[in-house]
All heavy atoms as atom14 arrays in JSON, in Angstrom:
{
  "sequence": "WFPDRRGLTTGIGTMAFAAGSAAFIPYVRANATVGGYSDVLRNMGL",
  "atom14_mask": [
    [1, 1, 1, 1, 1, 1, 1, 1, 1, 1, 1, 1, 1, 1],
    [1, 1, 1, 1, 1, 1, 1, 1, 1, 1, 1, 0, 0, 0],
    [1, 1, 1, 1, 1, 1, 1, 0, 0, 0, 0, 0, 0, 0],
    [1, 1, 1, 1, 1, 1, 1, 1, 0, 0, 0, 0, 0, 0],
    [1, 1, 1, 1, 1, 1, 1, 1, 1, 1, 1, 0, 0, 0],
    [1, 1, 1, 1, 1, 1, 1, 1, 1, 1, 1, 0, 0, 0],
    [1, 1, 1, 1, 0, 0, 0, 0, 0, 0, 0, 0, 0, 0],
    [1, 1, 1, 1, 1, 1, 1, 1, 0, 0, 0, 0, 0, 0],
    [1, 1, 1, 1, 1, 1, 1, 0, 0, 0, 0, 0, 0, 0],
    [1, 1, 1, 1, 1, 1, 1, 0, 0, 0, 0, 0, 0, 0],
    [1, 1, 1, 1, 0, 0, 0, 0, 0, 0, 0, 0, 0, 0],
    [1, 1, 1, 1, 1, 1, 1, 1, 0, 0, 0, 0, 0, 0],
    [1, 1, 1, 1, 0, 0, 0, 0, 0, 0, 0, 0, 0, 0],
    [1, 1, 1, 1, 1, 1, 1, 0, 0, 0, 0, 0, 0, 0],
    [1, 1, 1, 1, 1, 1, 1, 1, 0, 0, 0, 0, 0, 0],
    [1, 1, 1, 1, 1, 0, 0, 0, 0, 0, 0, 0, 0, 0],
    [1, 1, 1, 1, 1, 1, 1, 1, 1, 1, 1, 0, 0, 0],
    [1, 1, 1, 1, 1, 0, 0, 0, 0, 0, 0, 0, 0, 0],
    [1, 1, 1, 1, 1, 0, 0, 0, 0, 0, 0, 0, 0, 0],
    [1, 1, 1, 1, 0, 0, 0, 0, 0, 0, 0, 0, 0, 0],
    [1, 1, 1, 1, 1, 1, 0, 0, 0, 0, 0, 0, 0, 0],
    [1, 1, 1, 1, 1, 0, 0, 0, 0, 0, 0, 0, 0, 0],
    [1, 1, 1, 1, 1, 0, 0, 0, 0, 0, 0, 0, 0, 0],
    [1, 1, 1, 1, 1, 1, 1, 1, 1, 1, 1, 0, 0, 0],
    [1, 1, 1, 1, 1, 1, 1, 1, 0, 0, 0, 0, 0, 0],
    [1, 1, 1, 1, 1, 1, 1, 0, 0, 0, 0, 0, 0, 0],
    [1, 1, 1, 1, 1, 1, 1, 1, 1, 1, 1, 1, 0, 0],
    [1, 1, 1, 1, 1, 1, 1, 0, 0, 0, 0, 0, 0, 0],
    [1, 1, 1, 1, 1, 1, 1, 1, 1, 1, 1, 0, 0, 0],
    [1, 1, 1, 1, 1, 0, 0, 0, 0, 0, 0, 0, 0, 0],
    [1, 1, 1, 1, 1, 1, 1, 1, 0, 0, 0, 0, 0, 0],
    [1, 1, 1, 1, 1, 0, 0, 0, 0, 0, 0, 0, 0, 0],
    [1, 1, 1, 1, 1, 1, 1, 0, 0, 0, 0, 0, 0, 0],
    [1, 1, 1, 1, 1, 1, 1, 0, 0, 0, 0, 0, 0, 0],
    [1, 1, 1, 1, 0, 0, 0, 0, 0, 0, 0, 0, 0, 0],
    [1, 1, 1, 1, 0, 0, 0, 0, 0, 0, 0, 0, 0, 0],
    [1, 1, 1, 1, 1, 1, 1, 1, 1, 1, 1, 1, 0, 0],
    [1, 1, 1, 1, 1, 1, 0, 0, 0, 0, 0, 0, 0, 0],
    [1, 1, 1, 1, 1, 1, 1, 1, 0, 0, 0, 0, 0, 0],
    [1, 1, 1, 1, 1, 1, 1, 0, 0, 0, 0, 0, 0, 0],
    [1, 1, 1, 1, 1, 1, 1, 1, 0, 0, 0, 0, 0, 0],
    [1, 1, 1, 1, 1, 1, 1, 1, 1, 1, 1, 0, 0, 0],
    [1, 1, 1, 1, 1, 1, 1, 1, 0, 0, 0, 0, 0, 0],
    [1, 1, 1, 1, 1, 1, 1, 1, 0, 0, 0, 0, 0, 0],
    [1, 1, 1, 1, 0, 0, 0, 0, 0, 0, 0, 0, 0, 0],
    [1, 1, 1, 1, 1, 1, 1, 1, 0, 0, 0, 0, 0, 0]
  ],
  "atom14_positions": [
    [[-27.18, -44.96, 209.29], [-27.53, -43.76, 210.1], [-28.78, -43.79, 211.07], [-28.95, -43.08, 211.89], [-27.86, -42.57, 209.25], [-26.45, -41.99, 208.72], [-25.94, -42.1, 207.48], [-25.44, -41.18, 209.37], [-24.72, -41.49, 207.33], [-24.44, -40.89, 208.49], [-25.35, -40.69, 210.71], [-23.28, -40.1, 208.88], [-24.29, -40.1, 211.1], [-23.28, -39.77, 210.22]],
    [[-29.69, -44.86, 210.77], [-30.89, -44.87, 211.49], [-31.05, -46.25, 212.04], [-32.05, -46.99, 211.72], [-32.07, -44.54, 210.57], [-32.19, -43.0, 210.26], [-31.47, -42.5, 209.29], [-33.09, -42.34, 210.89], [-31.51, -41.11, 209.09], [-33.1, -40.89, 210.68], [-32.42, -40.39, 209.7], [0.0, 0.0, 0.0], [0.0, 0.0, 0.0], [0.0, 0.0, 0.0]],
    [[-30.29, -46.82, 213.01], [-30.51, -48.13, 213.7], [-31.79, -48.07, 214.38], [-32.25, -49.15, 214.71], [-29.28, -48.3, 214.53], [-28.78, -46.94, 214.75], [-29.0, -46.16, 213.4], [0.0, 0.0, 0.0], [0.0, 0.0, 0.0], [0.0, 0.0, 0.0], [0.0, 0.0, 0.0], [0.0, 0.0, 0.0], [0.0, 0.0, 0.0], [0.0, 0.0, 0.0]],
    [[-32.28, -46.93, 214.8], [-33.55, -46.71, 215.59], [-34.76, -46.55, 214.62], [-35.82, -46.8, 215.17], [-33.47, -45.49, 216.41], [-33.15, -44.33, 215.68], [-32.43, -44.41, 214.66], [-33.4, -43.15, 216.18], [0.0, 0.0, 0.0], [0.0, 0.0, 0.0], [0.0, 0.0, 0.0], [0.0, 0.0, 0.0], [0.0, 0.0, 0.0], [0.0, 0.0, 0.0]],
    [[-34.66, -46.4, 213.3], [-35.78, -46.27, 212.53], [-35.54, -46.9, 211.16], [-35.66, -46.26, 210.0], [-36.12, -44.79, 212.28], [-36.61, -44.0, 213.65], [-37.07, -42.64, 213.29], [-37.38, -42.05, 214.58], [-37.94, -40.8, 214.39], [-37.87, -40.06, 213.41], [-38.35, -40.24, 215.73], [0.0, 0.0, 0.0], [0.0, 0.0, 0.0], [0.0, 0.0, 0.0]],
    [[-34.98, -48.11, 211.26], [-34.57, -48.79, 209.93], [-35.65, -49.04, 208.96], [-35.49, -48.75, 207.78], [-33.87, -50.13, 210.21], [-32.49, -49.97, 210.94], [-31.87, -51.33, 211.11], [-30.49, -51.19, 211.46], [-30.05, -51.78, 212.59], [-30.78, -52.39, 213.43], [-28.81, -51.55, 212.92], [0.0, 0.0, 0.0], [0.0, 0.0, 0.0], [0.0, 0.0, 0.0]],
    [[-36.86, -49.44, 209.58], [-37.96, -49.75, 208.6], [-38.44, -48.55, 207.96], [-38.8, -48.6, 206.6], [0.0, 0.0, 0.0], [0.0, 0.0, 0.0], [0.0, 0.0, 0.0], [0.0, 0.0, 0.0], [0.0, 0.0, 0.0], [0.0, 0.0, 0.0], [0.0, 0.0, 0.0], [0.0, 0.0, 0.0], [0.0, 0.0, 0.0], [0.0, 0.0, 0.0]],
    [[-38.61, -47.44, 208.66], [-39.17, -46.2, 208.03], [-38.19, -45.64, 206.92], [-38.62, -45.38, 205.78], [-39.42, -45.19, 209.08], [-39.79, -43.73, 208.52], [-41.1, -43.82, 207.9], [-39.85, -42.73, 209.68], [0.0, 0.0, 0.0], [0.0, 0.0, 0.0], [0.0, 0.0, 0.0], [0.0, 0.0, 0.0], [0.0, 0.0, 0.0], [0.0, 0.0, 0.0]],
    [[-36.95, -45.6, 207.19], [-35.96, -44.88, 206.31], [-35.54, -45.76, 205.16], [-35.47, -45.21, 204.07], [-34.64, -44.56, 207.11], [-34.15, -45.7, 207.86], [-34.87, -43.39, 208.14], [0.0, 0.0, 0.0], [0.0, 0.0, 0.0], [0.0, 0.0, 0.0], [0.0, 0.0, 0.0], [0.0, 0.0, 0.0], [0.0, 0.0, 0.0], [0.0, 0.0, 0.0]],
    [[-35.56, -47.12, 205.37], [-35.3, -47.93, 204.19], [-36.62, -47.88, 203.22], [-36.56, -47.94, 201.99], [-34.99, -49.33, 204.58], [-36.01, -49.94, 205.41], [-33.7, -49.47, 205.12], [0.0, 0.0, 0.0], [0.0, 0.0, 0.0], [0.0, 0.0, 0.0], [0.0, 0.0, 0.0], [0.0, 0.0, 0.0], [0.0, 0.0, 0.0], [0.0, 0.0, 0.0]],
    [[-37.82, -47.75, 203.87], [-38.99, -47.68, 203.24], [-39.03, -46.37, 202.3], [-39.56, -46.28, 201.23], [0.0, 0.0, 0.0], [0.0, 0.0, 0.0], [0.0, 0.0, 0.0], [0.0, 0.0, 0.0], [0.0, 0.0, 0.0], [0.0, 0.0, 0.0], [0.0, 0.0, 0.0], [0.0, 0.0, 0.0], [0.0, 0.0, 0.0], [0.0, 0.0, 0.0]],
    [[-38.57, -45.17, 202.86], [-38.47, -43.92, 202.04], [-37.62, -44.19, 200.78], [-37.91, -43.8, 199.85], [-37.82, -42.82, 203.01], [-38.88, -42.44, 204.0], [-37.52, -41.62, 202.05], [-38.41, -41.51, 205.17], [0.0, 0.0, 0.0], [0.0, 0.0, 0.0], [0.0, 0.0, 0.0], [0.0, 0.0, 0.0], [0.0, 0.0, 0.0], [0.0, 0.0, 0.0]],
    [[-36.34, -44.69, 201.1], [-35.49, -45.16, 199.99], [-36.07, -45.91, 198.9], [-36.06, -45.56, 197.68], [0.0, 0.0, 0.0], [0.0, 0.0, 0.0], [0.0, 0.0, 0.0], [0.0, 0.0, 0.0], [0.0, 0.0, 0.0], [0.0, 0.0, 0.0], [0.0, 0.0, 0.0], [0.0, 0.0, 0.0], [0.0, 0.0, 0.0], [0.0, 0.0, 0.0]],
    [[-36.59, -47.05, 199.25], [-37.3, -47.94, 198.34], [-38.53, -47.4, 197.67], [-38.88, -47.63, 196.48], [-37.47, -49.31, 198.89], [-38.38, -49.27, 200.09], [-36.25, -49.99, 199.29], [0.0, 0.0, 0.0], [0.0, 0.0, 0.0], [0.0, 0.0, 0.0], [0.0, 0.0, 0.0], [0.0, 0.0, 0.0], [0.0, 0.0, 0.0], [0.0, 0.0, 0.0]],
    [[-39.23, -46.59, 198.34], [-40.45, -45.9, 197.75], [-40.01, -45.01, 196.65], [-40.68, -44.87, 195.56], [-41.26, -45.09, 198.87], [-42.42, -44.33, 198.2], [-43.13, -43.18, 199.42], [-41.89, -41.83, 199.5], [0.0, 0.0, 0.0], [0.0, 0.0, 0.0], [0.0, 0.0, 0.0], [0.0, 0.0, 0.0], [0.0, 0.0, 0.0], [0.0, 0.0, 0.0]],
    [[-38.88, -44.2, 196.89], [-38.44, -43.29, 195.9], [-37.96, -44.09, 194.67], [-38.29, -43.67, 193.51], [-37.16, -42.52, 196.37], [0.0, 0.0, 0.0], [0.0, 0.0, 0.0], [0.0, 0.0, 0.0], [0.0, 0.0, 0.0], [0.0, 0.0, 0.0], [0.0, 0.0, 0.0], [0.0, 0.0, 0.0], [0.0, 0.0, 0.0], [0.0, 0.0, 0.0]],
    [[-37.52, -45.36, 194.8], [-37.05, -46.18, 193.54], [-38.39, -46.65, 192.93], [-38.33, -46.62, 191.76], [-36.17, -47.23, 194.04], [-35.76, -48.19, 192.92], [-34.9, -47.65, 192.11], [-36.27, -49.43, 192.69], [-34.41, -48.44, 191.16], [-35.69, -50.28, 191.7], [-34.84, -49.71, 190.83], [0.0, 0.0, 0.0], [0.0, 0.0, 0.0], [0.0, 0.0, 0.0]],
    [[-39.46, -46.84, 193.62], [-40.62, -47.45, 193.04], [-41.5, -46.26, 192.44], [-42.05, -46.53, 191.39], [-41.5, -48.12, 194.15], [0.0, 0.0, 0.0], [0.0, 0.0, 0.0], [0.0, 0.0, 0.0], [0.0, 0.0, 0.0], [0.0, 0.0, 0.0], [0.0, 0.0, 0.0], [0.0, 0.0, 0.0], [0.0, 0.0, 0.0], [0.0, 0.0, 0.0]],
    [[-41.49, -45.24, 193.13], [-42.32, -44.07, 192.62], [-41.76, -42.99, 191.89], [-42.39, -42.25, 191.22], [-43.13, -43.52, 193.88], [0.0, 0.0, 0.0], [0.0, 0.0, 0.0], [0.0, 0.0, 0.0], [0.0, 0.0, 0.0], [0.0, 0.0, 0.0], [0.0, 0.0, 0.0], [0.0, 0.0, 0.0], [0.0, 0.0, 0.0], [0.0, 0.0, 0.0]],
    [[-40.41, -43.01, 191.94], [-39.72, -41.83, 191.23], [-39.86, -41.84, 189.77], [-39.93, -40.68, 189.27], [0.0, 0.0, 0.0], [0.0, 0.0, 0.0], [0.0, 0.0, 0.0], [0.0, 0.0, 0.0], [0.0, 0.0, 0.0], [0.0, 0.0, 0.0], [0.0, 0.0, 0.0], [0.0, 0.0, 0.0], [0.0, 0.0, 0.0], [0.0, 0.0, 0.0]],
    [[-40.24, -42.97, 189.14], [-40.45, -42.98, 187.8], [-41.66, -42.25, 187.25], [-41.82, -41.85, 186.18], [-40.44, -44.44, 187.24], [-41.45, -45.03, 187.94], [0.0, 0.0, 0.0], [0.0, 0.0, 0.0], [0.0, 0.0, 0.0], [0.0, 0.0, 0.0], [0.0, 0.0, 0.0], [0.0, 0.0, 0.0], [0.0, 0.0, 0.0], [0.0, 0.0, 0.0]],
    [[-42.51, -41.9, 188.18], [-43.86, -41.15, 187.86], [-43.42, -39.72, 187.39], [-44.25, -39.24, 186.49], [-44.73, -41.01, 189.18], [0.0, 0.0, 0.0], [0.0, 0.0, 0.0], [0.0, 0.0, 0.0], [0.0, 0.0, 0.0], [0.0, 0.0, 0.0], [0.0, 0.0, 0.0], [0.0, 0.0, 0.0], [0.0, 0.0, 0.0], [0.0, 0.0, 0.0]],
    [[-42.36, -39.23, 187.72], [-41.97, -37.92, 187.25], [-41.35, -38.01, 185.82], [-41.28, -36.99, 185.07], [-40.94, -37.2, 188.14], [0.0, 0.0, 0.0], [0.0, 0.0, 0.0], [0.0, 0.0, 0.0], [0.0, 0.0, 0.0], [0.0, 0.0, 0.0], [0.0, 0.0, 0.0], [0.0, 0.0, 0.0], [0.0, 0.0, 0.0], [0.0, 0.0, 0.0]],
    [[-40.92, -39.22, 185.39], [-40.17, -39.42, 184.11], [-41.25, -39.9, 183.04], [-41.15, -39.57, 181.99], [-39.16, -40.45, 184.13], [-37.91, -39.89, 184.93], [-37.74, -40.11, 186.32], [-36.9, -39.25, 184.21], [-36.61, -39.67, 187.03], [-35.75, -38.74, 184.94], [-35.6, -39.13, 186.26], [0.0, 0.0, 0.0], [0.0, 0.0, 0.0], [0.0, 0.0, 0.0]],
    [[-42.2, -40.74, 183.42], [-43.05, -41.39, 182.46], [-43.84, -40.35, 181.63], [-43.85, -40.66, 180.42], [-43.99, -42.38, 183.19], [-43.19, -43.54, 183.72], [-45.03, -42.97, 182.29], [-44.05, -44.51, 184.61], [0.0, 0.0, 0.0], [0.0, 0.0, 0.0], [0.0, 0.0, 0.0], [0.0, 0.0, 0.0], [0.0, 0.0, 0.0], [0.0, 0.0, 0.0]],
    [[-44.35, -39.32, 182.07], [-45.23, -38.38, 181.14], [-44.18, -37.89, 180.01], [-44.5, -37.65, 178.98], [-45.85, -37.37, 182.11], [-45.8, -38.16, 183.38], [-44.68, -39.01, 183.55], [0.0, 0.0, 0.0], [0.0, 0.0, 0.0], [0.0, 0.0, 0.0], [0.0, 0.0, 0.0], [0.0, 0.0, 0.0], [0.0, 0.0, 0.0], [0.0, 0.0, 0.0]],
    [[-43.08, -37.32, 180.6], [-42.09, -36.81, 179.63], [-41.63, -37.71, 178.6], [-41.59, -37.59, 177.34], [-40.88, -36.33, 180.5], [-39.64, -35.86, 179.55], [-39.72, -34.79, 178.75], [-38.44, -36.57, 179.52], [-38.64, -34.47, 177.94], [-37.34, -36.35, 178.91], [-37.45, -35.29, 178.0], [-36.46, -34.92, 177.16], [0.0, 0.0, 0.0], [0.0, 0.0, 0.0]],
    [[-41.31, -39.03, 179.06], [-40.92, -40.03, 178.07], [-41.94, -40.42, 177.07], [-41.73, -40.56, 175.82], [-40.3, -41.39, 178.89], [-40.01, -42.46, 177.91], [-39.22, -40.95, 179.67], [0.0, 0.0, 0.0], [0.0, 0.0, 0.0], [0.0, 0.0, 0.0], [0.0, 0.0, 0.0], [0.0, 0.0, 0.0], [0.0, 0.0, 0.0], [0.0, 0.0, 0.0]],
    [[-43.13, -40.64, 177.62], [-44.29, -41.12, 176.63], [-44.65, -40.01, 175.58], [-45.14, -40.23, 174.63], [-45.43, -41.66, 177.47], [-45.16, -42.77, 178.28], [-46.42, -43.34, 178.94], [-47.38, -43.88, 177.89], [-47.28, -45.02, 177.39], [-46.39, -45.96, 177.67], [-48.24, -45.44, 176.36], [0.0, 0.0, 0.0], [0.0, 0.0, 0.0], [0.0, 0.0, 0.0]],
    [[-44.45, -38.76, 176.1], [-44.82, -37.67, 175.24], [-43.76, -37.39, 174.17], [-44.04, -36.75, 173.1], [-45.06, -36.37, 175.96], [0.0, 0.0, 0.0], [0.0, 0.0, 0.0], [0.0, 0.0, 0.0], [0.0, 0.0, 0.0], [0.0, 0.0, 0.0], [0.0, 0.0, 0.0], [0.0, 0.0, 0.0], [0.0, 0.0, 0.0], [0.0, 0.0, 0.0]],
    [[-42.57, -37.85, 174.39], [-41.42, -37.33, 173.49], [-40.58, -38.49, 173.02], [-39.7, -38.27, 172.0], [-40.41, -36.45, 174.32], [-41.16, -35.07, 174.76], [-41.28, -34.27, 173.98], [-41.57, -35.08, 176.01], [0.0, 0.0, 0.0], [0.0, 0.0, 0.0], [0.0, 0.0, 0.0], [0.0, 0.0, 0.0], [0.0, 0.0, 0.0], [0.0, 0.0, 0.0]],
    [[-40.8, -39.7, 173.42], [-39.87, -40.75, 172.99], [-40.5, -41.38, 171.77], [-40.94, -42.57, 171.65], [-39.8, -41.99, 174.02], [0.0, 0.0, 0.0], [0.0, 0.0, 0.0], [0.0, 0.0, 0.0], [0.0, 0.0, 0.0], [0.0, 0.0, 0.0], [0.0, 0.0, 0.0], [0.0, 0.0, 0.0], [0.0, 0.0, 0.0], [0.0, 0.0, 0.0]],
    [[-40.4, -40.56, 170.68], [-40.87, -41.05, 169.33], [-39.76, -41.65, 168.52], [-38.52, -41.42, 168.99], [-41.42, -39.91, 168.54], [-40.45, -38.76, 168.38], [-42.64, -39.18, 169.21], [0.0, 0.0, 0.0], [0.0, 0.0, 0.0], [0.0, 0.0, 0.0], [0.0, 0.0, 0.0], [0.0, 0.0, 0.0], [0.0, 0.0, 0.0], [0.0, 0.0, 0.0]],
    [[-39.87, -42.14, 167.37], [-38.86, -42.77, 166.66], [-37.79, -41.75, 166.36], [-36.56, -41.92, 166.42], [-39.37, -43.41, 165.29], [-38.19, -43.91, 164.54], [-40.22, -44.56, 165.69], [0.0, 0.0, 0.0], [0.0, 0.0, 0.0], [0.0, 0.0, 0.0], [0.0, 0.0, 0.0], [0.0, 0.0, 0.0], [0.0, 0.0, 0.0], [0.0, 0.0, 0.0]],
    [[-38.11, -40.56, 166.05], [-37.17, -39.49, 165.64], [-36.67, -38.74, 166.83], [-35.68, -38.09, 166.81], [0.0, 0.0, 0.0], [0.0, 0.0, 0.0], [0.0, 0.0, 0.0], [0.0, 0.0, 0.0], [0.0, 0.0, 0.0], [0.0, 0.0, 0.0], [0.0, 0.0, 0.0], [0.0, 0.0, 0.0], [0.0, 0.0, 0.0], [0.0, 0.0, 0.0]],
    [[-37.35, -38.79, 168.08], [-37.03, -37.95, 169.09], [-36.51, -38.62, 170.33], [-36.14, -38.08, 171.41], [0.0, 0.0, 0.0], [0.0, 0.0, 0.0], [0.0, 0.0, 0.0], [0.0, 0.0, 0.0], [0.0, 0.0, 0.0], [0.0, 0.0, 0.0], [0.0, 0.0, 0.0], [0.0, 0.0, 0.0], [0.0, 0.0, 0.0], [0.0, 0.0, 0.0]],
    [[-36.45, -39.96, 170.4], [-36.13, -40.71, 171.71], [-34.72, -40.53, 172.02], [-34.39, -40.47, 173.25], [-36.44, -42.18, 171.45], [-35.4, -42.92, 170.72], [-34.23, -43.56, 171.44], [-35.28, -43.08, 169.36], [-33.28, -44.23, 170.77], [-34.34, -43.79, 168.62], [-33.32, -44.28, 169.34], [-32.3, -44.82, 168.8], [0.0, 0.0, 0.0], [0.0, 0.0, 0.0]],
    [[-33.89, -40.24, 171.0], [-32.45, -40.07, 171.34], [-32.23, -38.82, 172.29], [-31.45, -38.74, 173.12], [-31.52, -39.94, 170.07], [-32.06, -38.92, 169.24], [0.0, 0.0, 0.0], [0.0, 0.0, 0.0], [0.0, 0.0, 0.0], [0.0, 0.0, 0.0], [0.0, 0.0, 0.0], [0.0, 0.0, 0.0], [0.0, 0.0, 0.0], [0.0, 0.0, 0.0]],
    [[-33.03, -37.71, 172.07], [-32.98, -36.61, 172.81], [-33.48, -36.9, 174.17], [-32.89, -36.24, 175.21], [-33.77, -35.44, 172.26], [-33.23, -34.85, 170.95], [-31.91, -34.97, 170.73], [-33.91, -34.24, 170.26], [0.0, 0.0, 0.0], [0.0, 0.0, 0.0], [0.0, 0.0, 0.0], [0.0, 0.0, 0.0], [0.0, 0.0, 0.0], [0.0, 0.0, 0.0]],
    [[-34.49, -37.63, 174.28], [-35.0, -38.01, 175.7], [-33.97, -38.83, 176.52], [-33.72, -38.48, 177.67], [-36.25, -38.87, 175.5], [-36.68, -39.48, 176.83], [-37.39, -38.16, 174.88], [0.0, 0.0, 0.0], [0.0, 0.0, 0.0], [0.0, 0.0, 0.0], [0.0, 0.0, 0.0], [0.0, 0.0, 0.0], [0.0, 0.0, 0.0], [0.0, 0.0, 0.0]],
    [[-33.34, -39.76, 175.73], [-32.25, -40.54, 176.55], [-31.12, -39.71, 176.98], [-30.5, -39.83, 178.0], [-31.77, -41.72, 175.45], [-32.78, -42.79, 175.29], [-32.18, -43.7, 174.18], [-33.12, -43.61, 176.5], [0.0, 0.0, 0.0], [0.0, 0.0, 0.0], [0.0, 0.0, 0.0], [0.0, 0.0, 0.0], [0.0, 0.0, 0.0], [0.0, 0.0, 0.0]],
    [[-30.67, -38.69, 176.06], [-29.54, -37.75, 176.27], [-29.86, -36.99, 177.56], [-29.1, -36.75, 178.39], [-29.22, -37.04, 175.03], [-27.96, -36.09, 175.35], [-27.42, -35.59, 173.92], [-28.56, -34.96, 173.17], [-29.02, -35.41, 172.09], [-28.53, -36.64, 171.54], [-30.0, -34.8, 171.42], [0.0, 0.0, 0.0], [0.0, 0.0, 0.0], [0.0, 0.0, 0.0]],
    [[-31.14, -36.41, 177.48], [-31.53, -35.55, 178.64], [-31.65, -36.3, 179.95], [-31.1, -35.78, 180.94], [-32.85, -34.77, 178.36], [-32.69, -33.81, 177.24], [-31.69, -33.37, 176.81], [-33.92, -33.61, 176.54], [0.0, 0.0, 0.0], [0.0, 0.0, 0.0], [0.0, 0.0, 0.0], [0.0, 0.0, 0.0], [0.0, 0.0, 0.0], [0.0, 0.0, 0.0]],
    [[-32.17, -37.57, 179.85], [-32.18, -38.21, 181.08], [-30.9, -38.75, 181.58], [-30.69, -38.74, 182.71], [-33.25, -39.53, 180.83], [-34.73, -39.11, 180.68], [-35.76, -40.49, 180.18], [-35.45, -41.56, 181.68], [0.0, 0.0, 0.0], [0.0, 0.0, 0.0], [0.0, 0.0, 0.0], [0.0, 0.0, 0.0], [0.0, 0.0, 0.0], [0.0, 0.0, 0.0]],
    [[-30.02, -38.99, 180.62], [-28.64, -39.41, 181.07], [-27.87, -38.27, 181.81], [-27.27, -38.51, 182.84], [0.0, 0.0, 0.0], [0.0, 0.0, 0.0], [0.0, 0.0, 0.0], [0.0, 0.0, 0.0], [0.0, 0.0, 0.0], [0.0, 0.0, 0.0], [0.0, 0.0, 0.0], [0.0, 0.0, 0.0], [0.0, 0.0, 0.0], [0.0, 0.0, 0.0]],
    [[-28.17, -37.1, 181.32], [-27.46, -35.9, 182.07], [-27.97, -35.74, 183.31], [-27.26, -35.41, 184.29], [-27.56, -34.73, 181.05], [-26.69, -34.77, 179.9], [-27.19, -33.54, 178.84], [-25.2, -34.74, 180.0], [0.0, 0.0, 0.0], [0.0, 0.0, 0.0], [0.0, 0.0, 0.0], [0.0, 0.0, 0.0], [0.0, 0.0, 0.0], [0.0, 0.0, 0.0]]
  ]
}
């Protein structure tokens, strides 16, 4: 869709892949205990 702005738009997509986990990490580290990690995995999967 962006033959005129390939570098910028592919940069946005790959940035999301690199930085998107920042929204997940606090939730995972706070709740992924031995007894609670299955709920974390289930919620993330959904």
